[in-house]
PDB file of N, CA and C in Angstrom:
ATOM      1  N   MET A   1       0.858  -1.179   0.297  1.00  0.00           N
ATOM      2  CA  MET A   1      -0.293   0.566  -0.320  1.00  0.00           C
ATOM      3  C   MET A   1       0.575   0.958   0.185  1.00  0.00           C
ATOM      4  N   THR A   2       0.399   2.516  -0.620  1.00  0.00           N
ATOM      5  CA  THR A   2       1.467   3.588  -0.749  1.00  0.00           C
ATOM      6  C   THR A   2       1.719   4.395   0.793  1.00  0.00           C
ATOM      7  N   VAL A   3       2.127   4.737   0.927  1.00  0.00           N
ATOM      8  CA  VAL A   3       2.023   5.248   1.830  1.00  0.00           C
ATOM      9  C   VAL A   3       1.101   7.664   1.684  1.00  0.00           C
ATOM     10  N   GLN A   4       0.598   7.492   1.124  1.00  0.00           N
ATOM     11  CA  GLN A   4       0.111   7.942   0.884  1.00  0.00           C
ATOM     12  C   GLN A   4      -1.547   7.338   1.258  1.00  0.00           C
ATOM     13  N   ALA A   5      -1.624   5.712   0.929  1.00  0.00           N
ATOM     14  CA  ALA A   5      -3.098   5.342   1.479  1.00  0.00           C
ATOM     15  C   ALA A   5      -3.156   5.201   3.154  1.00  0.00           C
ATOM     16  N   LEU A   6      -1.921   4.974   3.381  1.00  0.00           N
ATOM     17  CA  LEU A   6      -1.526   4.396   4.510  1.00  0.00           C
ATOM     18  C   LEU A   6      -1.552   5.613   5.682  1.00  0.00           C
ATOM     19  N   GLU A   7      -1.494   6.713   5.676  1.00  0.00           N
ATOM     20  CA  GLU A   7      -1.796   8.129   5.774  1.00  0.00           C
ATOM     21  C   GLU A   7      -3.415   8.640   6.246  1.00  0.00           C
ATOM     22  N   LEU A   8      -4.226   8.501   4.540  1.00  0.00           N
ATOM     23  CA  LEU A   8      -5.311   8.149   4.359  1.00  0.00           C
ATOM     24  C   LEU A   8      -6.234   7.464   5.909  1.00  0.00           C
ATOM     25  N   VAL A   9      -5.855   6.298   5.528  1.00  0.00           N
ATOM     26  CA  VAL A   9      -6.758   5.008   5.726  1.00  0.00           C
ATOM     27  C   VAL A   9      -6.757   5.857   7.786  1.00  0.00           C
ATOM     28  N   GLY A  10      -5.017   5.978   7.454  1.00  0.00           N
ATOM     29  CA  GLY A  10      -4.888   6.024   9.918  1.00  0.00           C
ATOM     30  C   GLY A  10      -5.668   7.611   9.975  1.00  0.00           C
ATOM     31  N   ALA A  11      -5.693   8.520   8.974  1.00  0.00           N
ATOM     32  CA  ALA A  11      -6.507   9.935   9.515  1.00  0.00           C
ATOM     33  C   ALA A  11      -7.822  10.192   9.251  1.00  0.00           C
ATOM     34  N   ARG A  12      -8.424   8.926   8.556  1.00  0.00           N
ATOM     35  CA  ARG A  12      -9.895   9.055   8.921  1.00  0.00           C
ATOM     36  C   ARG A  12     -10.726   7.928   8.976  1.00  0.00           C
ATOM     37  N   PHE A  13     -10.196   6.721   9.633  1.00  0.00           N
ATOM     38  CA  PHE A  13     -10.254   5.671  10.073  1.00  0.00           C
ATOM     39  C   PHE A  13      -9.871   5.044  11.215  1.00  0.00           C
ATOM     40  N   PRO A  14      -9.086   5.864  12.037  1.00  0.00           N
ATOM     41  CA  PRO A  14      -8.612   5.019  13.006  1.00  0.00           C
ATOM     42  C   PRO A  14      -8.893   3.976  13.069  1.00  0.00           C
ATOM     43  N   ASP A  15      -9.873   3.545  13.034  1.00  0.00           N
ATOM     44  CA  ASP A  15     -10.417   2.626  13.822  1.00  0.00           C
ATOM     45  C   ASP A  15     -10.962   0.776  12.822  1.00  0.00           C
ATOM     46  N   ALA A  16      -9.980   1.722  11.760  1.00  0.00           N
ATOM     47  CA  ALA A  16      -9.815   0.695  10.533  1.00  0.00           C
ATOM     48  C   ALA A  16      -9.683  -0.994  10.957  1.00  0.00           C
ATOM     49  N   LEU A  17     -10.636  -2.487  10.714  1.00  0.00           N
ATOM     50  CA  LEU A  17      -9.017  -2.596  10.838  1.00  0.00           C
ATOM     51  C   LEU A  17      -9.520  -3.891  10.200  1.00  0.00           C
ATOM     52  N   GLY A  18      -8.921  -3.426   8.938  1.00  0.00           N
ATOM     53  CA  GLY A  18      -8.197  -3.360   7.225  1.00  0.00           C
ATOM     54  C   GLY A  18      -8.307  -2.893   5.868  1.00  0.00           C
ATOM     55  N   ALA A  19      -7.427  -2.310   5.147  1.00  0.00           N
ATOM     56  CA  ALA A  19      -7.627  -1.754   4.501  1.00  0.00           C
ATOM     57  C   ALA A  19      -7.340  -1.973   2.738  1.00  0.00           C
ATOM     58  N   VAL A  20      -7.509  -1.872   1.618  1.00  0.00           N
ATOM     59  CA  VAL A  20      -7.316  -2.930   0.545  1.00  0.00           C
ATOM     60  C   VAL A  20      -7.158  -1.768  -0.857  1.00  0.00           C
ATOM     61  N   LEU A  21      -5.515  -1.793  -1.330  1.00  0.00           N
ATOM     62  CA  LEU A  21      -5.546  -1.266  -1.999  1.00  0.00           C
ATOM     63  C   LEU A  21      -5.209  -1.163  -3.796  1.00  0.00           C
ATOM     64  N   GLY A  22      -6.378  -1.385  -4.625  1.00  0.00           N
ATOM     65  CA  GLY A  22      -6.484  -1.446  -5.811  1.00  0.00           C
ATOM     66  C   GLY A  22      -5.845  -1.217  -7.092  1.00  0.00           C
ATOM     67  N   GLY A  23      -6.450  -0.851  -7.918  1.00  0.00           N
ATOM     68  CA  GLY A  23      -6.405  -0.175  -8.947  1.00  0.00           C
ATOM     69  C   GLY A  23      -4.535   0.421  -9.338  1.00  0.00           C
ATOM     70  N   SER A  24      -4.820   1.453 -10.922  1.00  0.00           N
ATOM     71  CA  SER A  24      -3.737   1.315 -10.674  1.00  0.00           C
ATOM     72  C   SER A  24      -2.160   1.003  -9.478  1.00  0.00           C
ATOM     73  N   ALA A  25      -2.065   1.896  -9.138  1.00  0.00           N
ATOM     74  CA  ALA A  25      -1.301   1.797  -7.843  1.00  0.00           C
ATOM     75  C   ALA A  25      -1.278   0.878  -8.083  1.00  0.00           C
ATOM     76  N   VAL A  26      -1.632  -0.443  -6.974  1.00  0.00           N
ATOM     77  CA  VAL A  26      -1.649  -1.482  -7.157  1.00  0.00           C
ATOM     78  C   VAL A  26      -0.532  -2.177  -8.320  1.00  0.00           C
ATOM     79  N   ARG A  27      -0.635  -1.910  -9.341  1.00  0.00           N
ATOM     80  CA  ARG A  27       0.250  -2.522 -10.767  1.00  0.00           C
ATOM     81  C   ARG A  27       0.980  -1.799 -11.139  1.00  0.00           C
ATOM     82  N   GLY A  28       1.231  -1.069 -10.013  1.00  0.00           N
ATOM     83  CA  GLY A  28       2.141   0.154 -10.346  1.00  0.00           C
ATOM     84  C   GLY A  28       2.818   1.273 -11.204  1.00  0.00           C
ATOM     85  N   ARG A  29       1.136   1.913 -12.220  1.00  0.00           N
ATOM     86  CA  ARG A  29       1.245   2.071 -12.714  1.00  0.00           C
ATOM     87  C   ARG A  29       0.712   3.969 -12.946  1.00  0.00           C
ATOM     88  N   ALA A  30       0.474   3.905 -11.983  1.00  0.00           N
ATOM     89  CA  ALA A  30      -0.108   5.053 -11.342  1.00  0.00           C
ATOM     90  C   ALA A  30       0.507   6.323 -10.923  1.00  0.00           C
ATOM     91  N   LEU A  31      -0.089   7.344 -11.831  1.00  0.00           N
ATOM     92  CA  LEU A  31       0.604   8.102 -12.504  1.00  0.00           C
ATOM     93  C   LEU A  31      -0.118   9.377 -10.961  1.00  0.00           C
ATOM     94  N   PRO A  32       1.509  10.756 -10.938  1.00  0.00           N
ATOM     95  CA  PRO A  32       0.981  11.463 -10.589  1.00  0.00           C
ATOM     96  C   PRO A  32       0.439  12.572 -10.542  1.00  0.00           C
ATOM     97  N   GLY A  33      -1.434  11.825 -10.814  1.00  0.00           N
ATOM     98  CA  GLY A  33      -2.675  12.811 -10.650  1.00  0.00           C
ATOM     99  C   GLY A  33      -3.568  11.706 -10.202  1.00  0.00           C
ATOM    100  N   SER A  34      -3.914  10.301 -11.050  1.00  0.00           N
ATOM    101  CA  SER A  34      -4.218   8.831 -10.876  1.00  0.00           C
ATOM    102  C   SER A  34      -4.810   8.789  -9.623  1.00  0.00           C
ATOM    103  N   ASP A  35      -5.831   8.824  -8.951  1.00  0.00           N
ATOM    104  CA  ASP A  35      -6.457   8.887  -7.501  1.00  0.00           C
ATOM    105  C   ASP A  35      -6.106   7.146  -7.209  1.00  0.00           C
ATOM    106  N   LEU A  36      -6.373   7.524  -5.756  1.00  0.00           N
ATOM    107  CA  LEU A  36      -7.091   5.633  -5.139  1.00  0.00           C
ATOM    108  C   LEU A  36      -7.406   5.503  -4.538  1.00  0.00           C
ATOM    109  N   ASP A  37      -8.137   4.323  -5.199  1.00  0.00           N
ATOM    110  CA  ASP A  37      -8.646   2.900  -4.710  1.00  0.00           C
ATOM    111  C   ASP A  37      -9.023   2.286  -3.565  1.00  0.00           C
ATOM    112  N   LEU A  38      -9.253   2.481  -3.023  1.00  0.00           N
ATOM    113  CA  LEU A  38      -9.494   2.117  -1.839  1.00  0.00           C
ATOM    114  C   LEU A  38     -10.780   1.279  -1.131  1.00  0.00           C
ATOM    115  N   ALA A  39     -10.344  -0.067  -0.742  1.00  0.00           N
ATOM    116  CA  ALA A  39     -11.898  -0.158   0.257  1.00  0.00           C
ATOM    117  C   ALA A  39     -11.576  -0.455   1.678  1.00  0.00           C
ATOM    118  N   VAL A  40     -12.141  -0.010   2.758  1.00  0.00           N
ATOM    119  CA  VAL A  40     -11.563  -0.003   3.815  1.00  0.00           C
ATOM    120  C   VAL A  40     -12.499  -0.987   4.217  1.00  0.00           C
ATOM    121  N   LEU A  41     -12.315  -1.602   5.608  1.00  0.00           N
ATOM    122  CA  LEU A  41     -12.922  -2.506   6.497  1.00  0.00           C
ATOM    123  C   LEU A  41     -13.459  -1.731   8.256  1.00  0.00           C
ATOM    124  N   LEU A  42     -14.283  -1.732   8.171  1.00  0.00           N
ATOM    125  CA  LEU A  42     -14.572  -0.893   9.845  1.00  0.00           C
ATOM    126  C   LEU A  42     -15.368  -1.839  10.505  1.00  0.00           C
ATOM    127  N   PRO A  43     -15.051  -1.551  11.386  1.00  0.00           N
ATOM    128  CA  PRO A  43     -15.163  -2.355  13.271  1.00  0.00           C
ATOM    129  C   PRO A  43     -17.272  -2.712  13.174  1.00  0.00           C
ATOM    130  N   GLU A  44     -18.240  -4.075  12.895  1.00  0.00           N
ATOM    131  CA  GLU A  44     -19.532  -3.683  13.253  1.00  0.00           C
ATOM    132  C   GLU A  44     -19.894  -3.017  14.101  1.00  0.00           C
ATOM    133  N   GLY A  45     -21.221  -2.164  13.187  1.00  0.00           N
ATOM    134  CA  GLY A  45     -22.115  -1.053  13.624  1.00  0.00           C
ATOM    135  C   GLY A  45     -21.828   0.540  13.363  1.00  0.00           C
ATOM    136  N   GLU A  46     -20.981   0.054  11.818  1.00  0.00           N
ATOM    137  CA  GLU A  46     -20.329   1.684  11.423  1.00  0.00           C
ATOM    138  C   GLU A  46     -21.100   1.422  10.118  1.00  0.00           C
ATOM    139  N   THR A  47     -21.819   2.605   9.755  1.00  0.00           N
ATOM    140  CA  THR A  47     -22.117   2.316   9.171  1.00  0.00           C
ATOM    141  C   THR A  47     -20.961   2.737   7.174  1.00  0.00           C
ATOM    142  N   SER A  48     -21.712   1.818   6.992  1.00  0.00           N
ATOM    143  CA  SER A  48     -20.981   1.957   5.271  1.00  0.00           C
ATOM    144  C   SER A  48     -21.635   2.315   4.306  1.00  0.00           C
ATOM    145  N   ARG A  49     -20.110   3.309   3.657  1.00  0.00           N
ATOM    146  CA  ARG A  49     -20.960   3.998   2.178  1.00  0.00           C
ATOM    147  C   ARG A  49     -19.012   4.448   1.618  1.00  0.00           C
ATOM    148  N   ARG A  50     -20.296   4.773   0.530  1.00  0.00           N
ATOM    149  CA  ARG A  50     -19.238   5.527  -0.654  1.00  0.00           C
ATOM    150  C   ARG A  50     -19.094   6.339  -0.807  1.00  0.00           C
ATOM    151  N   GLU A  51     -17.502   6.563  -0.819  1.00  0.00           N
ATOM    152  CA  GLU A  51     -16.941   8.538  -0.576  1.00  0.00           C
ATOM    153  C   GLU A  51     -15.830   8.480  -1.832  1.00  0.00           C
ATOM    154  N   VAL A  52     -15.729   9.381  -1.863  1.00  0.00           N
ATOM    155  CA  VAL A  52     -14.786  10.131  -2.412  1.00  0.00           C
ATOM    156  C   VAL A  52     -13.930  11.788  -2.035  1.00  0.00           C
ATOM    157  N   VAL A  53     -12.745  11.560  -1.526  1.00  0.00           N
ATOM    158  CA  VAL A  53     -12.605  12.750  -0.981  1.00  0.00           C
ATOM    159  C   VAL A  53     -11.177  12.481  -1.128  1.00  0.00           C
ATOM    160  N   ARG A  54     -10.619  14.145  -1.033  1.00  0.00           N
ATOM    161  CA  ARG A  54      -8.885  14.691  -1.603  1.00  0.00           C
ATOM    162  C   ARG A  54      -8.280  14.360  -0.814  1.00  0.00           C
ATOM    163  N   HIS A  55      -7.385  13.767  -0.857  1.00  0.00           N
ATOM    164  CA  HIS A  55      -5.982  13.915   0.400  1.00  0.00           C
ATOM    165  C   HIS A  55      -4.913  13.668  -0.202  1.00  0.00           C
ATOM    166  N   ASP A  56      -4.319  14.774   0.577  1.00  0.00           N
ATOM    167  CA  ASP A  56      -2.447  14.939   0.502  1.00  0.00           C
ATOM    168  C   ASP A  56      -2.907  15.394  -1.597  1.00  0.00           C
ATOM    169  N   GLY A  57      -3.716  16.238  -2.284  1.00  0.00           N
ATOM    170  CA  GLY A  57      -4.517  16.498  -3.276  1.00  0.00           C
ATOM    171  C   GLY A  57      -4.167  15.384  -4.360  1.00  0.00           C
ATOM    172  N   ARG A  58      -4.451  14.738  -3.416  1.00  0.00           N
ATOM    173  CA  ARG A  58      -4.603  12.538  -4.802  1.00  0.00           C
ATOM    174  C   ARG A  58      -6.192  12.682  -3.857  1.00  0.00           C
ATOM    175  N   LEU A  59      -7.398  12.686  -5.032  1.00  0.00           N
ATOM    176  CA  LEU A  59      -8.869  11.510  -5.117  1.00  0.00           C
ATOM    177  C   LEU A  59      -8.962  10.814  -4.716  1.00  0.00           C
ATOM    178  N   ALA A  60      -9.757   9.695  -3.341  1.00  0.00           N
ATOM    179  CA  ALA A  60      -9.593   9.367  -3.390  1.00  0.00           C
ATOM    180  C   ALA A  60     -10.665   8.353  -2.708  1.00  0.00           C
TER     181      ALA A  60
END
């Protein structure tokens, strides 16, 4: 997982049980403007949602 992805998960989801990074970042094809494709596993009882955020200048 990239440093930016780890920082994002730690900052926004401190109680996360785990996270999976996908897309171009995993394949080694990410460009500076590429987004981060993340799935975050949250503890039971947390609300499931999908969101797009900007972290460190990058969409995720």
